[in-house]
Amino acid sequence: MDFGMPTLIENQDLHENIALCRELGLQFIEMNMNLPLFQTKQLEETEKLRRLAAENGIYFTIHLDENLNVCDFNSLVADAYMETVERVLVAAKEIGAPLLNMHMHHGVYFTLPDRKVYLFDAYRKKYRENFARFRELCERVAKDSGIRICIENTDGYQDFEKEAVDDLLQSELFALTWDIGHSHGCGNVDEPFLMERKDRLYHFHIHDGKGSKNHLTLGTGEIDLAKRLGLAKANGCRCVVETKTVEALRQSAAWLLENGYR
């Protein structure tokens, strides 16, 4: 398994992230597009990114903006996100990034006296049509590139999202990310859905958790890490060690070494 790190808020720039990645002997850095450091224009500096990767013996993956909403009913907004993904896929091909990670956007909901109604659920046909359009765009740009677009679980898939995920998985370009901390924090409600599709698991975000808290240092919580990492190894998955501080990442990297995973 390859182990990588997220881009950490304590690090001021890409060079500091690279230095930490090398110090810890990790293989890759997940560039997070929520940060101003990794917007589309920065990712399109492909010659620079290729050089930095080659000089430091690492590679990059890309975490798409968590606000990404290709199904927004405002077509101007949806089109902007579609263009973003198209341009990032082109950049990913040029820098040799093997995967993009994405969240499913829940969208807006209306609160009725007895329940919440998600607009994507109420207008499910339009929602699925928009994802079909997204899938077609991605296939046109990156079908034969070897890149995978991995869909990450967060706080429990809604039924309409499960349908959309299965629609995307009709294409080999798409796969699944299992974030084991997110999963634990919501009572593992997504585990049956993920395990039924475990042959499409391609990527893991690993961190420990305790109760509803996650992003904890490996070995300090209550997640069965051996079980999760065993599945990741069996599937040949990459793993982002997704702690949020430099010190927690150092301790987690040491835990992986001590327990024979690296």
Protein backbone atom coordinates (compact mmCIF):
# COMPACT_ATOMS: atom_id res chain seq x y z
CA MET A 1 0.00 0.00 0.00
CA ASP A 2 1.06 3.56 -0.64
CA PHE A 3 0.46 5.98 2.24
CA GLY A 4 0.06 9.70 1.74
CA MET A 5 -0.78 12.86 3.65
CA PRO A 6 -3.36 15.59 3.31
CA THR A 7 -2.37 19.21 2.84
CA LEU A 8 -2.23 20.59 6.38
CA ILE A 9 -3.36 24.04 7.43
CA GLU A 10 -0.22 24.46 9.59
CA ASN A 11 1.97 24.27 6.49
CA GLN A 12 2.22 27.54 4.63
CA ASP A 13 2.87 26.26 1.13
CA LEU A 14 3.40 23.19 -1.00
CA HIS A 15 7.12 23.10 -0.23
CA GLU A 16 6.45 22.68 3.51
CA ASN A 17 4.02 19.86 2.76
CA ILE A 18 6.61 18.19 0.51
CA ALA A 19 9.28 18.49 3.20
CA LEU A 20 7.01 16.81 5.74
CA CYS A 21 6.02 14.10 3.27
CA ARG A 22 9.68 13.26 2.69
CA GLU A 23 10.52 13.42 6.40
CA LEU A 24 7.84 10.83 7.16
CA GLY A 25 8.67 8.59 4.21
CA LEU A 26 5.20 8.90 2.69
CA GLN A 27 4.56 8.38 -1.01
CA PHE A 28 2.11 11.13 -1.97
CA ILE A 29 0.36 14.36 -1.03
CA GLU A 30 -3.36 14.95 -1.49
CA MET A 31 -3.74 18.50 -2.81
CA ASN A 32 -6.98 19.89 -1.36
CA MET A 33 -8.88 22.29 -3.59
CA ASN A 34 -10.65 23.88 -0.63
CA LEU A 35 -7.37 25.73 -0.04
CA PRO A 36 -6.30 28.80 -2.02
CA LEU A 37 -2.97 27.06 -2.66
CA PHE A 38 -4.62 24.47 -4.89
CA GLN A 39 -7.17 26.19 -7.04
CA THR A 40 -7.53 25.30 -10.70
CA LYS A 41 -4.91 27.78 -11.92
CA GLN A 42 -2.35 26.47 -9.44
CA LEU A 43 -3.05 22.86 -10.47
CA GLU A 44 -2.57 23.89 -14.09
CA GLU A 45 1.07 24.78 -13.33
CA THR A 46 1.77 21.24 -14.44
CA GLU A 47 5.42 21.61 -15.39
CA LYS A 48 6.21 22.91 -11.89
CA LEU A 49 4.23 20.11 -10.20
CA ARG A 50 5.84 17.41 -12.35
CA ARG A 51 9.29 18.78 -11.48
CA LEU A 52 8.58 18.92 -7.74
CA ALA A 53 7.21 15.38 -7.78
CA ALA A 54 10.22 14.02 -9.68
CA GLU A 55 12.79 15.88 -7.56
CA ASN A 56 11.27 14.62 -4.33
CA GLY A 57 10.30 11.08 -5.32
CA ILE A 58 6.60 11.56 -4.56
CA TYR A 59 3.35 12.03 -6.47
CA PHE A 60 0.14 13.97 -6.02
CA THR A 61 -3.54 13.15 -5.75
CA ILE A 62 -6.32 15.76 -5.78
CA HIS A 63 -9.23 16.32 -3.40
CA LEU A 64 -11.92 18.25 -5.23
CA ASP A 65 -13.60 21.17 -3.46
CA GLU A 66 -16.12 19.89 -0.91
CA ASN A 67 -18.60 22.47 -2.24
CA LEU A 68 -18.48 20.81 -5.67
CA ASN A 69 -22.10 20.61 -6.83
CA VAL A 70 -22.45 19.57 -10.44
CA CYS A 71 -26.20 19.10 -9.86
CA ASP A 72 -26.99 22.62 -8.70
CA PHE A 73 -30.29 23.69 -10.25
CA ASN A 74 -28.65 27.00 -11.21
CA SER A 75 -27.00 25.93 -14.46
CA LEU A 76 -24.44 28.74 -14.21
CA VAL A 77 -23.19 27.29 -10.93
CA ALA A 78 -23.30 23.69 -12.15
CA ASP A 79 -21.44 24.62 -15.35
CA ALA A 80 -18.69 26.33 -13.36
CA TYR A 81 -18.14 23.16 -11.35
CA MET A 82 -18.24 21.04 -14.50
CA GLU A 83 -15.57 23.22 -16.11
CA THR A 84 -13.50 22.98 -12.93
CA VAL A 85 -13.55 19.17 -13.03
CA GLU A 86 -12.75 19.14 -16.74
CA ARG A 87 -9.72 21.37 -16.29
CA VAL A 88 -8.52 19.50 -13.22
CA LEU A 89 -8.77 16.17 -15.05
CA VAL A 90 -6.60 17.56 -17.84
CA ALA A 91 -4.07 18.79 -15.26
CA ALA A 92 -4.17 15.46 -13.41
CA LYS A 93 -3.28 13.62 -16.60
CA GLU A 94 -0.34 15.94 -17.19
CA ILE A 95 1.12 15.58 -13.68
CA GLY A 96 0.44 11.85 -13.39
CA ALA A 97 -2.06 12.16 -10.55
CA PRO A 98 -3.79 8.76 -10.33
CA LEU A 99 -6.99 9.89 -8.65
CA LEU A 100 -9.40 12.65 -7.79
CA ASN A 101 -11.41 12.39 -4.56
CA MET A 102 -14.90 13.89 -4.36
CA HIS A 103 -17.80 14.28 -1.93
CA MET A 104 -21.48 13.96 -2.75
CA HIS A 105 -23.14 17.32 -2.09
CA HIS A 106 -26.36 16.83 -0.12
CA GLY A 107 -27.89 20.02 -1.50
CA VAL A 108 -30.58 22.16 0.09
CA TYR A 109 -33.44 20.71 2.11
CA PHE A 110 -36.81 22.07 3.22
CA THR A 111 -37.83 21.39 6.80
CA LEU A 112 -41.46 20.28 7.07
CA PRO A 113 -43.26 19.69 10.38
CA ASP A 114 -42.47 15.98 10.31
CA ARG A 115 -39.38 15.59 8.13
CA LYS A 116 -36.65 17.08 5.98
CA VAL A 117 -37.15 17.04 2.23
CA TYR A 118 -33.95 17.24 0.18
CA LEU A 119 -34.56 19.01 -3.11
CA PHE A 120 -32.33 16.51 -4.91
CA ASP A 121 -34.68 13.81 -3.64
CA ALA A 122 -37.84 15.69 -4.59
CA TYR A 123 -36.43 16.34 -8.08
CA ARG A 124 -34.56 13.02 -8.35
CA LYS A 125 -34.99 12.64 -12.11
CA LYS A 126 -33.29 15.98 -12.77
CA TYR A 127 -30.61 15.13 -10.19
CA ARG A 128 -29.74 11.84 -11.88
CA GLU A 129 -29.77 13.47 -15.32
CA ASN A 130 -27.21 15.99 -14.10
CA PHE A 131 -24.96 13.23 -12.79
CA ALA A 132 -25.27 11.40 -16.10
CA ARG A 133 -24.05 14.59 -17.79
CA PHE A 134 -21.16 14.76 -15.30
CA ARG A 135 -20.20 11.14 -15.96
CA GLU A 136 -20.23 11.71 -19.72
CA LEU A 137 -17.97 14.75 -19.36
CA CYS A 138 -15.47 12.85 -17.22
CA GLU A 139 -15.41 9.91 -19.60
CA ARG A 140 -14.82 12.20 -22.56
CA VAL A 141 -11.85 13.86 -20.87
CA ALA A 142 -10.23 10.98 -18.99
CA LYS A 143 -11.69 7.62 -20.01
CA ASP A 144 -8.42 5.97 -21.04
CA SER A 145 -6.11 7.90 -18.70
CA GLY A 146 -5.99 5.39 -15.83
CA ILE A 147 -7.27 8.07 -13.47
CA ARG A 148 -10.01 7.16 -11.01
CA ILE A 149 -12.55 9.61 -9.58
CA CYS A 150 -13.24 8.27 -6.10
CA ILE A 151 -16.47 9.06 -4.28
CA GLU A 152 -15.99 9.51 -0.53
CA ASN A 153 -18.51 8.71 2.18
CA THR A 154 -19.13 11.52 4.68
CA ASP A 155 -22.01 11.52 7.18
CA GLY A 156 -24.25 8.85 5.68
CA TYR A 157 -25.47 8.54 2.10
CA GLN A 158 -29.04 9.58 1.39
CA ASP A 159 -31.03 7.15 -0.77
CA PHE A 160 -30.95 9.51 -3.75
CA GLU A 161 -27.17 9.73 -3.40
CA LYS A 162 -26.82 5.95 -3.39
CA GLU A 163 -28.66 5.83 -6.70
CA ALA A 164 -26.37 8.50 -8.12
CA VAL A 165 -23.25 6.71 -6.89
CA ASP A 166 -24.39 3.52 -8.60
CA ASP A 167 -25.07 5.51 -11.77
CA LEU A 168 -21.49 6.82 -11.67
CA LEU A 169 -20.06 3.37 -10.94
CA GLN A 170 -21.44 2.17 -14.27
CA SER A 171 -18.26 3.76 -15.59
CA GLU A 172 -14.89 2.21 -14.74
CA LEU A 173 -13.57 5.74 -14.38
CA PHE A 174 -15.36 6.01 -11.02
CA ALA A 175 -14.57 4.17 -7.80
CA LEU A 176 -15.07 4.50 -4.05
CA THR A 177 -13.14 6.08 -1.19
CA TRP A 178 -13.82 4.69 2.28
CA ASP A 179 -13.21 7.31 4.94
CA ILE A 180 -13.09 5.08 8.00
CA GLY A 181 -13.32 7.95 10.48
CA HIS A 182 -16.37 9.51 8.86
CA SER A 183 -17.91 6.05 8.74
CA HIS A 184 -17.29 5.43 12.44
CA GLY A 185 -18.56 8.89 13.43
CA CYS A 186 -22.02 8.22 11.97
CA GLY A 187 -22.41 4.71 13.34
CA ASN A 188 -21.04 2.95 10.24
CA VAL A 189 -24.36 3.42 8.43
CA ASP A 190 -22.53 3.39 5.08
CA GLU A 191 -20.63 0.16 5.73
CA PRO A 192 -23.23 -2.20 4.17
CA PHE A 193 -23.42 -0.04 1.03
CA LEU A 194 -19.63 0.08 0.73
CA MET A 195 -19.09 -3.60 1.45
CA GLU A 196 -21.66 -4.60 -1.17
CA ARG A 197 -19.42 -2.73 -3.62
CA LYS A 198 -16.06 -3.56 -2.08
CA ASP A 199 -14.67 -4.56 -5.47
CA ARG A 200 -14.93 -0.84 -6.37
CA LEU A 201 -12.99 0.35 -3.31
CA TYR A 202 -9.90 2.09 -4.64
CA HIS A 203 -8.89 4.58 -1.97
CA PHE A 204 -9.01 5.03 1.81
CA HIS A 205 -8.88 7.98 4.17
CA ILE A 206 -7.60 6.62 7.47
CA HIS A 207 -7.76 8.22 10.89
CA ASP A 208 -8.94 7.00 14.26
CA GLY A 209 -12.22 7.88 15.93
CA LYS A 210 -13.95 7.77 19.28
CA GLY A 211 -17.70 8.19 19.42
CA SER A 212 -18.63 10.99 17.03
CA LYS A 213 -15.07 12.39 17.00
CA ASN A 214 -12.76 11.47 14.16
CA HIS A 215 -9.52 12.63 12.51
CA LEU A 216 -7.75 11.33 15.63
CA THR A 217 -4.20 9.99 15.67
CA LEU A 218 -3.99 6.34 14.63
CA GLY A 219 -4.09 4.04 17.65
CA THR A 220 -5.79 6.52 19.99
CA GLY A 221 -9.43 5.69 19.27
CA GLU A 222 -11.76 2.72 18.98
CA ILE A 223 -11.76 1.91 15.25
CA ASP A 224 -10.62 -1.60 14.30
CA LEU A 225 -7.72 -0.31 12.24
CA ALA A 226 -6.32 -3.78 11.48
CA LYS A 227 -9.62 -4.78 9.86
CA ARG A 228 -9.87 -1.63 7.77
CA LEU A 229 -6.23 -1.62 6.72
CA GLY A 230 -6.47 -5.32 5.91
CA LEU A 231 -9.25 -4.57 3.44
CA ALA A 232 -7.29 -1.65 2.00
CA LYS A 233 -4.28 -3.93 1.48
CA ALA A 234 -6.38 -6.70 -0.06
CA ASN A 235 -7.81 -4.21 -2.57
CA GLY A 236 -4.44 -2.58 -3.28
CA CYS A 237 -5.75 0.80 -2.14
CA ARG A 238 -3.85 3.97 -1.42
CA CYS A 239 -4.40 5.46 2.03
CA VAL A 240 -4.35 9.12 3.01
CA VAL A 241 -3.44 9.44 6.70
CA GLU A 242 -6.01 12.14 7.26
CA THR A 243 -5.13 13.67 10.59
CA LYS A 244 -5.35 17.46 10.84
CA THR A 245 -2.11 18.48 12.58
CA VAL A 246 1.55 17.93 11.86
CA GLU A 247 2.14 16.25 15.22
CA ALA A 248 -0.82 13.87 14.80
CA LEU A 249 0.48 12.94 11.35
CA ARG A 250 3.96 12.26 12.73
CA GLN A 251 2.51 10.05 15.46
CA SER A 252 0.25 8.24 12.98
CA ALA A 253 3.14 7.61 10.58
CA ALA A 254 5.11 6.16 13.51
CA TRP A 255 2.12 3.94 14.45
CA LEU A 256 2.02 2.53 10.91
CA LEU A 257 5.72 1.67 11.12
CA GLU A 258 5.44 0.14 14.60
CA ASN A 259 2.54 -2.03 13.50
CA GLY A 260 4.18 -3.31 10.33
CA TYR A 261 2.13 -1.50 7.71
CA ARG A 262 5.11 0.35 6.23
